[in-house]
Amino acid sequence: DEADGGVGRAEVVGVRRRDGSIQHELAVDDDALPT
């Protein structure tokens, strides 16, 4: 859910383990990323 009442959505196009964490790569513009 976005602050303006809309719904954010992004495809997960890559997943990798790095530095002990699992990172999810999203196909979305940087300014549309969840915070």
PDB file of all heavy atoms in Angstrom:
ATOM      1  N   ASP A   1       0.848  -1.189   0.000  1.00  0.00           N
ATOM      2  CA  ASP A   1       0.000   0.000   0.000  1.00  0.00           C
ATOM      3  C   ASP A   1       0.881   1.236   0.000  1.00  0.00           C
ATOM      4  O   ASP A   1       1.842   1.341   0.771  1.00  0.00           O
ATOM      5  CB  ASP A   1      -0.896   0.011   1.242  1.00  0.00           C
ATOM      6  CG  ASP A   1      -1.935  -1.098   1.216  1.00  0.00           C
ATOM      7  OD1 ASP A   1      -2.326  -1.503   0.108  1.00  0.00           O
ATOM      8  OD2 ASP A   1      -2.340  -1.555   2.309  1.00  0.00           O
ATOM      9  N   GLU A   2       0.533   2.189  -0.849  1.00  0.00           N
ATOM     10  CA  GLU A   2       1.279   3.441  -0.922  1.00  0.00           C
ATOM     11  C   GLU A   2       0.592   4.531  -0.111  1.00  0.00           C
ATOM     12  O   GLU A   2      -0.603   4.441   0.200  1.00  0.00           O
ATOM     13  CB  GLU A   2       1.442   3.854  -2.376  1.00  0.00           C
ATOM     14  CG  GLU A   2       2.282   2.847  -3.184  1.00  0.00           C
ATOM     15  CD  GLU A   2       2.531   3.306  -4.597  1.00  0.00           C
ATOM     16  OE1 GLU A   2       1.625   3.934  -5.187  1.00  0.00           O
ATOM     17  OE2 GLU A   2       3.636   3.049  -5.113  1.00  0.00           O
ATOM     18  N   ALA A   3       1.362   5.570   0.223  1.00  0.00           N
ATOM     19  CA  ALA A   3       0.852   6.636   1.088  1.00  0.00           C
ATOM     20  C   ALA A   3      -0.347   7.366   0.472  1.00  0.00           C
ATOM     21  O   ALA A   3      -1.217   7.870   1.187  1.00  0.00           O
ATOM     22  CB  ALA A   3       1.967   7.633   1.382  1.00  0.00           C
ATOM     23  N   ASP A   4      -0.407   7.417  -0.860  1.00  0.00           N
ATOM     24  CA  ASP A   4      -1.511   8.131  -1.517  1.00  0.00           C
ATOM     25  C   ASP A   4      -2.756   7.272  -1.679  1.00  0.00           C
ATOM     26  O   ASP A   4      -3.729   7.696  -2.326  1.00  0.00           O
ATOM     27  CB  ASP A   4      -1.065   8.654  -2.876  1.00  0.00           C
ATOM     28  CG  ASP A   4      -0.663   7.523  -3.834  1.00  0.00           C
ATOM     29  OD1 ASP A   4      -0.786   6.339  -3.459  1.00  0.00           O
ATOM     30  OD2 ASP A   4      -0.213   7.839  -4.954  1.00  0.00           O
ATOM     31  N   GLY A   5      -2.745   6.079  -1.099  1.00  0.00           N
ATOM     32  CA  GLY A   5      -3.899   5.197  -1.185  1.00  0.00           C
ATOM     33  C   GLY A   5      -3.828   4.207  -2.329  1.00  0.00           C
ATOM     34  O   GLY A   5      -4.682   3.321  -2.438  1.00  0.00           O
ATOM     35  N   GLY A   6      -2.826   4.346  -3.186  1.00  0.00           N
ATOM     36  CA  GLY A   6      -2.658   3.412  -4.292  1.00  0.00           C
ATOM     37  C   GLY A   6      -1.953   2.131  -3.841  1.00  0.00           C
ATOM     38  O   GLY A   6      -1.612   1.950  -2.670  1.00  0.00           O
ATOM     39  N   VAL A   7      -1.764   1.258  -4.799  1.00  0.00           N
ATOM     40  CA  VAL A   7      -1.091  -0.017  -4.532  1.00  0.00           C
ATOM     41  C   VAL A   7       0.167  -0.094  -5.380  1.00  0.00           C
ATOM     42  O   VAL A   7       0.107   0.043  -6.609  1.00  0.00           O
ATOM     43  CB  VAL A   7      -2.006  -1.223  -4.842  1.00  0.00           C
ATOM     44  CG1 VAL A   7      -1.241  -2.530  -4.647  1.00  0.00           C
ATOM     45  CG2 VAL A   7      -3.243  -1.197  -3.960  1.00  0.00           C
ATOM     46  N   GLY A   8       1.308  -0.284  -4.724  1.00  0.00           N
ATOM     47  CA  GLY A   8       2.557  -0.481  -5.441  1.00  0.00           C
ATOM     48  C   GLY A   8       2.733  -1.939  -5.818  1.00  0.00           C
ATOM     49  O   GLY A   8       2.294  -2.835  -5.086  1.00  0.00           O
ATOM     50  N   ARG A   9       3.353  -2.175  -6.945  1.00  0.00           N
ATOM     51  CA  ARG A   9       3.556  -3.551  -7.401  1.00  0.00           C
ATOM     52  C   ARG A   9       4.849  -3.622  -8.198  1.00  0.00           C
ATOM     53  O   ARG A   9       5.139  -2.731  -9.002  1.00  0.00           O
ATOM     54  CB  ARG A   9       2.396  -4.020  -8.272  1.00  0.00           C
ATOM     55  CG  ARG A   9       2.432  -5.498  -8.637  1.00  0.00           C
ATOM     56  CD  ARG A   9       1.216  -5.869  -9.484  1.00  0.00           C
ATOM     57  NE  ARG A   9       1.086  -7.299  -9.659  1.00  0.00           N
ATOM     58  CZ  ARG A   9       1.731  -8.007 -10.591  1.00  0.00           C
ATOM     59  NH1 ARG A   9       2.561  -7.384 -11.441  1.00  0.00           N
ATOM     60  NH2 ARG A   9       1.557  -9.313 -10.694  1.00  0.00           N
ATOM     61  N   ALA A  10       5.631  -4.661  -7.965  1.00  0.00           N
ATOM     62  CA  ALA A  10       6.877  -4.844  -8.705  1.00  0.00           C
ATOM     63  C   ALA A  10       7.160  -6.323  -8.878  1.00  0.00           C
ATOM     64  O   ALA A  10       6.939  -7.121  -7.955  1.00  0.00           O
ATOM     65  CB  ALA A  10       8.045  -4.177  -7.969  1.00  0.00           C
ATOM     66  N   GLU A  11       7.641  -6.678 -10.056  1.00  0.00           N
ATOM     67  CA  GLU A  11       8.064  -8.045 -10.291  1.00  0.00           C
ATOM     68  C   GLU A  11       9.416  -8.284  -9.621  1.00  0.00           C
ATOM     69  O   GLU A  11      10.304  -7.428  -9.661  1.00  0.00           O
ATOM     70  CB  GLU A  11       8.183  -8.329 -11.784  1.00  0.00           C
ATOM     71  CG  GLU A  11       6.861  -8.370 -12.513  1.00  0.00           C
ATOM     72  CD  GLU A  11       7.037  -8.834 -13.949  1.00  0.00           C
ATOM     73  OE1 GLU A  11       8.099  -9.426 -14.272  1.00  0.00           O
ATOM     74  OE2 GLU A  11       6.117  -8.604 -14.750  1.00  0.00           O
ATOM     75  N   VAL A  12       9.555  -9.459  -9.014  1.00  0.00           N
ATOM     76  CA  VAL A  12      10.840  -9.893  -8.474  1.00  0.00           C
ATOM     77  C   VAL A  12      11.537 -10.667  -9.593  1.00  0.00           C
ATOM     78  O   VAL A  12      11.122 -11.768  -9.953  1.00  0.00           O
ATOM     79  CB  VAL A  12      10.661 -10.786  -7.234  1.00  0.00           C
ATOM     80  CG1 VAL A  12      12.015 -11.266  -6.708  1.00  0.00           C
ATOM     81  CG2 VAL A  12       9.908 -10.030  -6.138  1.00  0.00           C
ATOM     82  N   VAL A  13      12.581 -10.069 -10.165  1.00  0.00           N
ATOM     83  CA  VAL A  13      13.235 -10.642 -11.339  1.00  0.00           C
ATOM     84  C   VAL A  13      14.584 -11.287 -11.008  1.00  0.00           C
ATOM     85  O   VAL A  13      15.201 -11.911 -11.875  1.00  0.00           O
ATOM     86  CB  VAL A  13      13.424  -9.580 -12.434  1.00  0.00           C
ATOM     87  CG1 VAL A  13      12.068  -9.091 -12.937  1.00  0.00           C
ATOM     88  CG2 VAL A  13      14.250  -8.402 -11.917  1.00  0.00           C
ATOM     89  N   GLY A  14      15.031 -11.139  -9.772  1.00  0.00           N
ATOM     90  CA  GLY A  14      16.285 -11.748  -9.358  1.00  0.00           C
ATOM     91  C   GLY A  14      16.324 -11.852  -7.845  1.00  0.00           C
ATOM     92  O   GLY A  14      15.801 -10.983  -7.150  1.00  0.00           O
ATOM     93  N   VAL A  15      16.905 -12.925  -7.349  1.00  0.00           N
ATOM     94  CA  VAL A  15      17.067 -13.120  -5.906  1.00  0.00           C
ATOM     95  C   VAL A  15      18.451 -13.701  -5.685  1.00  0.00           C
ATOM     96  O   VAL A  15      18.857 -14.635  -6.385  1.00  0.00           O
ATOM     97  CB  VAL A  15      15.996 -14.082  -5.327  1.00  0.00           C
ATOM     98  CG1 VAL A  15      16.049 -14.078  -3.792  1.00  0.00           C
ATOM     99  CG2 VAL A  15      14.598 -13.728  -5.808  1.00  0.00           C
ATOM    100  N   ARG A  16      19.171 -13.137  -4.704  1.00  0.00           N
ATOM    101  CA  ARG A  16      20.507 -13.637  -4.437  1.00  0.00           C
ATOM    102  C   ARG A  16      20.834 -13.480  -2.953  1.00  0.00           C
ATOM    103  O   ARG A  16      20.277 -12.634  -2.265  1.00  0.00           O
ATOM    104  CB  ARG A  16      21.546 -12.875  -5.260  1.00  0.00           C
ATOM    105  CG  ARG A  16      21.683 -11.399  -4.892  1.00  0.00           C
ATOM    106  CD  ARG A  16      22.747 -10.711  -5.712  1.00  0.00           C
ATOM    107  NE  ARG A  16      22.947  -9.327  -5.282  1.00  0.00           N
ATOM    108  CZ  ARG A  16      23.847  -8.515  -5.809  1.00  0.00           C
ATOM    109  NH1 ARG A  16      24.614  -8.938  -6.801  1.00  0.00           N
ATOM    110  NH2 ARG A  16      23.982  -7.279  -5.354  1.00  0.00           N
ATOM    111  N   ARG A  17      21.739 -14.328  -2.500  1.00  0.00           N
ATOM    112  CA  ARG A  17      22.236 -14.223  -1.142  1.00  0.00           C
ATOM    113  C   ARG A  17      23.538 -13.425  -1.164  1.00  0.00           C
ATOM    114  O   ARG A  17      24.453 -13.749  -1.921  1.00  0.00           O
ATOM    115  CB  ARG A  17      22.486 -15.614  -0.555  1.00  0.00           C
ATOM    116  CG  ARG A  17      22.720 -15.615   0.954  1.00  0.00           C
ATOM    117  CD  ARG A  17      23.048 -17.023   1.436  1.00  0.00           C
ATOM    118  NE  ARG A  17      21.958 -17.949   1.209  1.00  0.00           N
ATOM    119  CZ  ARG A  17      20.903 -18.097   1.998  1.00  0.00           C
ATOM    120  NH1 ARG A  17      20.794 -17.340   3.083  1.00  0.00           N
ATOM    121  NH2 ARG A  17      19.960 -18.983   1.730  1.00  0.00           N
ATOM    122  N   ARG A  18      23.604 -12.384  -0.322  1.00  0.00           N
ATOM    123  CA  ARG A  18      24.797 -11.554  -0.285  1.00  0.00           C
ATOM    124  C   ARG A  18      25.007 -11.005   1.130  1.00  0.00           C
ATOM    125  O   ARG A  18      24.074 -10.462   1.720  1.00  0.00           O
ATOM    126  CB  ARG A  18      24.689 -10.400  -1.279  1.00  0.00           C
ATOM    127  CG  ARG A  18      25.957  -9.549  -1.373  1.00  0.00           C
ATOM    128  CD  ARG A  18      25.842  -8.525  -2.476  1.00  0.00           C
ATOM    129  NE  ARG A  18      27.079  -7.780  -2.633  1.00  0.00           N
ATOM    130  CZ  ARG A  18      27.267  -6.798  -3.511  1.00  0.00           C
ATOM    131  NH1 ARG A  18      26.290  -6.471  -4.331  1.00  0.00           N
ATOM    132  NH2 ARG A  18      28.423  -6.167  -3.583  1.00  0.00           N
ATOM    133  N   ASP A  19      26.221 -11.172   1.628  1.00  0.00           N
ATOM    134  CA  ASP A  19      26.588 -10.659   2.954  1.00  0.00           C
ATOM    135  C   ASP A  19      25.608 -11.117   4.026  1.00  0.00           C
ATOM    136  O   ASP A  19      25.219 -10.341   4.920  1.00  0.00           O
ATOM    137  CB  ASP A  19      26.666  -9.131   2.939  1.00  0.00           C
ATOM    138  CG  ASP A  19      27.728  -8.611   1.976  1.00  0.00           C
ATOM    139  OD1 ASP A  19      28.722  -9.329   1.760  1.00  0.00           O
ATOM    140  OD2 ASP A  19      27.544  -7.505   1.430  1.00  0.00           O
ATOM    141  N   GLY A  20      25.202 -12.377   3.936  1.00  0.00           N
ATOM    142  CA  GLY A  20      24.329 -12.945   4.952  1.00  0.00           C
ATOM    143  C   GLY A  20      22.862 -12.613   4.814  1.00  0.00           C
ATOM    144  O   GLY A  20      22.047 -13.038   5.644  1.00  0.00           O
ATOM    145  N   SER A  21      22.481 -11.860   3.777  1.00  0.00           N
ATOM    146  CA  SER A  21      21.085 -11.496   3.568  1.00  0.00           C
ATOM    147  C   SER A  21      20.619 -11.957   2.196  1.00  0.00           C
ATOM    148  O   SER A  21      21.433 -12.210   1.303  1.00  0.00           O
ATOM    149  CB  SER A  21      20.900  -9.972   3.672  1.00  0.00           C
ATOM    150  OG  SER A  21      21.246  -9.503   4.952  1.00  0.00           O
ATOM    151  N   ILE A  22      19.314 -12.040   2.029  1.00  0.00           N
ATOM    152  CA  ILE A  22      18.735 -12.377   0.736  1.00  0.00           C
ATOM    153  C   ILE A  22      18.196 -11.095   0.109  1.00  0.00           C
ATOM    154  O   ILE A  22      17.343 -10.425   0.688  1.00  0.00           O
ATOM    155  CB  ILE A  22      17.622 -13.427   0.872  1.00  0.00           C
ATOM    156  CG1 ILE A  22      18.224 -14.760   1.340  1.00  0.00           C
ATOM    157  CG2 ILE A  22      16.886 -13.612  -0.452  1.00  0.00           C
ATOM    158  CD1 ILE A  22      17.213 -15.853   1.563  1.00  0.00           C
ATOM    159  N   GLN A  23      18.713 -10.753  -1.057  1.00  0.00           N
ATOM    160  CA  GLN A  23      18.310  -9.544  -1.765  1.00  0.00           C
ATOM    161  C   GLN A  23      17.346  -9.895  -2.895  1.00  0.00           C
ATOM    162  O   GLN A  23      17.556 -10.865  -3.618  1.00  0.00           O
ATOM    163  CB  GLN A  23      19.528  -8.820  -2.341  1.00  0.00           C
ATOM    164  CG  GLN A  23      20.495  -8.291  -1.304  1.00  0.00           C
ATOM    165  CD  GLN A  23      21.633  -7.509  -1.935  1.00  0.00           C
ATOM    166  OE1 GLN A  23      22.010  -7.748  -3.070  1.00  0.00           O
ATOM    167  NE2 GLN A  23      22.182  -6.559  -1.188  1.00  0.00           N
ATOM    168  N   HIS A  24      16.313  -9.068  -3.033  1.00  0.00           N
ATOM    169  CA  HIS A  24      15.299  -9.248  -4.069  1.00  0.00           C
ATOM    170  C   HIS A  24      15.429  -8.105  -5.062  1.00  0.00           C
ATOM    171  O   HIS A  24      15.281  -6.928  -4.681  1.00  0.00           O
ATOM    172  CB  HIS A  24      13.904  -9.244  -3.450  1.00  0.00           C
ATOM    173  CG  HIS A  24      13.728 -10.220  -2.321  1.00  0.00           C
ATOM    174  ND1 HIS A  24      14.296 -10.014  -1.074  1.00  0.00           N
ATOM    175  CD2 HIS A  24      13.068 -11.405  -2.257  1.00  0.00           C
ATOM    176  CE1 HIS A  24      13.980 -11.024  -0.277  1.00  0.00           C
ATOM    177  NE2 HIS A  24      13.240 -11.880  -0.975  1.00  0.00           N
ATOM    178  N   GLU A  25      15.707  -8.431  -6.309  1.00  0.00           N
ATOM    179  CA  GLU A  25      15.848  -7.404  -7.336  1.00  0.00           C
ATOM    180  C   GLU A  25      14.485  -7.140  -7.972  1.00  0.00           C
ATOM    181  O   GLU A  25      13.829  -8.071  -8.479  1.00  0.00           O
ATOM    182  CB  GLU A  25      16.844  -7.834  -8.408  1.00  0.00           C
ATOM    183  CG  GLU A  25      17.067  -6.792  -9.477  1.00  0.00           C
ATOM    184  CD  GLU A  25      18.084  -7.220 -10.529  1.00  0.00           C
ATOM    185  OE1 GLU A  25      18.688  -8.295 -10.365  1.00  0.00           O
ATOM    186  OE2 GLU A  25      18.238  -6.472 -11.504  1.00  0.00           O
ATOM    187  N   LEU A  26      14.065  -5.893  -7.956  1.00  0.00           N
ATOM    188  CA  LEU A  26      12.744  -5.531  -8.445  1.00  0.00           C
ATOM    189  C   LEU A  26      12.820  -4.813  -9.785  1.00  0.00           C
ATOM    190  O   LEU A  26      13.711  -3.988 -10.009  1.00  0.00           O
ATOM    191  CB  LEU A  26      12.042  -4.619  -7.430  1.00  0.00           C
ATOM    192  CG  LEU A  26      11.951  -5.132  -5.989  1.00  0.00           C
ATOM    193  CD1 LEU A  26      11.136  -4.154  -5.142  1.00  0.00           C
ATOM    194  CD2 LEU A  26      11.337  -6.527  -5.931  1.00  0.00           C
ATOM    195  N   ALA A  27      11.871  -5.118 -10.655  1.00  0.00           N
ATOM    196  CA  ALA A  27      11.763  -4.435 -11.948  1.00  0.00           C
ATOM    197  C   ALA A  27      10.837  -3.244 -11.773  1.00  0.00           C
ATOM    198  O   ALA A  27       9.646  -3.293 -12.086  1.00  0.00           O
ATOM    199  CB  ALA A  27      11.229  -5.395 -13.002  1.00  0.00           C
ATOM    200  N   VAL A  28      11.388  -2.154 -11.217  1.00  0.00           N
ATOM    201  CA  VAL A  28      10.589  -0.963 -10.946  1.00  0.00           C
ATOM    202  C   VAL A  28      11.535   0.229 -10.895  1.00  0.00           C
ATOM    203  O   VAL A  28      12.722   0.088 -10.569  1.00  0.00           O
ATOM    204  CB  VAL A  28       9.818  -1.119  -9.614  1.00  0.00           C
ATOM    205  CG1 VAL A  28      10.774  -1.201  -8.436  1.00  0.00           C
ATOM    206  CG2 VAL A  28       8.799  -0.020  -9.417  1.00  0.00           C
ATOM    207  N   ASP A  29      11.038   1.410 -11.233  1.00  0.00           N
ATOM    208  CA  ASP A  29      11.855   2.618 -11.146  1.00  0.00           C
ATOM    209  C   ASP A  29      12.265   2.876  -9.703  1.00  0.00           C
ATOM    210  O   ASP A  29      11.504   2.592  -8.767  1.00  0.00           O
ATOM    211  CB  ASP A  29      11.080   3.827 -11.681  1.00  0.00           C
ATOM    212  CG  ASP A  29      10.806   3.712 -13.172  1.00  0.00           C
ATOM    213  OD1 ASP A  29      11.553   2.975 -13.859  1.00  0.00           O
ATOM    214  OD2 ASP A  29       9.842   4.343 -13.642  1.00  0.00           O
ATOM    215  N   ASP A  30      13.450   3.449  -9.523  1.00  0.00           N
ATOM    216  CA  ASP A  30      13.959   3.701  -8.171  1.00  0.00           C
ATOM    217  C   ASP A  30      13.002   4.529  -7.332  1.00  0.00           C
ATOM    218  O   ASP A  30      12.850   4.295  -6.125  1.00  0.00           O
ATOM    219  CB  ASP A  30      15.321   4.407  -8.241  1.00  0.00           C
ATOM    220  CG  ASP A  30      16.428   3.483  -8.731  1.00  0.00           C
ATOM    221  OD1 ASP A  30      16.165   2.267  -8.845  1.00  0.00           O
ATOM    222  OD2 ASP A  30      17.546   3.969  -8.997  1.00  0.00           O
ATOM    223  N   ASP A  31      12.330   5.513  -7.955  1.00  0.00           N
ATOM    224  CA  ASP A  31      11.434   6.375  -7.178  1.00  0.00           C
ATOM    225  C   ASP A  31      10.121   5.693  -6.820  1.00  0.00           C
ATOM    226  O   ASP A  31       9.292   6.244  -6.082  1.00  0.00           O
ATOM    227  CB  ASP A  31      11.154   7.681  -7.920  1.00  0.00           C
ATOM    228  CG  ASP A  31      10.511   7.453  -9.288  1.00  0.00           C
ATOM    229  OD1 ASP A  31      10.271   6.287  -9.669  1.00  0.00           O
ATOM    230  OD2 ASP A  31      10.256   8.458  -9.986  1.00  0.00           O
ATOM    231  N   ALA A  32       9.929   4.459  -7.325  1.00  0.00           N
ATOM    232  CA  ALA A  32       8.709   3.717  -7.006  1.00  0.00           C
ATOM    233  C   ALA A  32       8.971   2.555  -6.054  1.00  0.00           C
ATOM    234  O   ALA A  32       8.064   1.776  -5.748  1.00  0.00           O
ATOM    235  CB  ALA A  32       8.070   3.186  -8.293  1.00  0.00           C
ATOM    236  N   LEU A  33      10.205   2.438  -5.566  1.00  0.00           N
ATOM    237  CA  LEU A  33      10.555   1.349  -4.652  1.00  0.00           C
ATOM    238  C   LEU A  33       9.873   1.527  -3.298  1.00  0.00           C
ATOM    239  O   LEU A  33       9.693   2.657  -2.832  1.00  0.00           O
ATOM    240  CB  LEU A  33      12.067   1.303  -4.444  1.00  0.00           C
ATOM    241  CG  LEU A  33      12.909   0.766  -5.591  1.00  0.00           C
ATOM    242  CD1 LEU A  33      14.372   1.148  -5.389  1.00  0.00           C
ATOM    243  CD2 LEU A  33      12.772  -0.755  -5.692  1.00  0.00           C
ATOM    244  N   PRO A  34       9.505   0.424  -2.646  1.00  0.00           N
ATOM    245  CA  PRO A  34       9.003   0.546  -1.275  1.00  0.00           C
ATOM    246  C   PRO A  34      10.136   0.980  -0.347  1.00  0.00           C
ATOM    247  O   PRO A  34      11.286   0.601  -0.549  1.00  0.00           O
ATOM    248  CB  PRO A  34       8.520  -0.864  -0.953  1.00  0.00           C
ATOM    249  CG  PRO A  34       9.349  -1.762  -1.820  1.00  0.00           C
ATOM    250  CD  PRO A  34       9.578  -0.976  -3.088  1.00  0.00           C
ATOM    251  N   THR A  35       9.820   1.773   0.651  1.00  0.00           N
ATOM    252  CA  THR A  35      10.833   2.283   1.572  1.00  0.00           C
ATOM    253  C   THR A  35      10.984   1.356   2.771  1.00  0.00           C
ATOM    254  O   THR A  35      10.090   0.540   3.055  1.00  0.00           O
ATOM    255  CB  THR A  35      10.450   3.689   2.055  1.00  0.00           C
ATOM    256  OG1 THR A  35       9.152   3.633   2.654  1.00  0.00           O
ATOM    257  CG2 THR A  35      10.432   4.664   0.889  1.00  0.00           C
TER     258      THR A  35
END
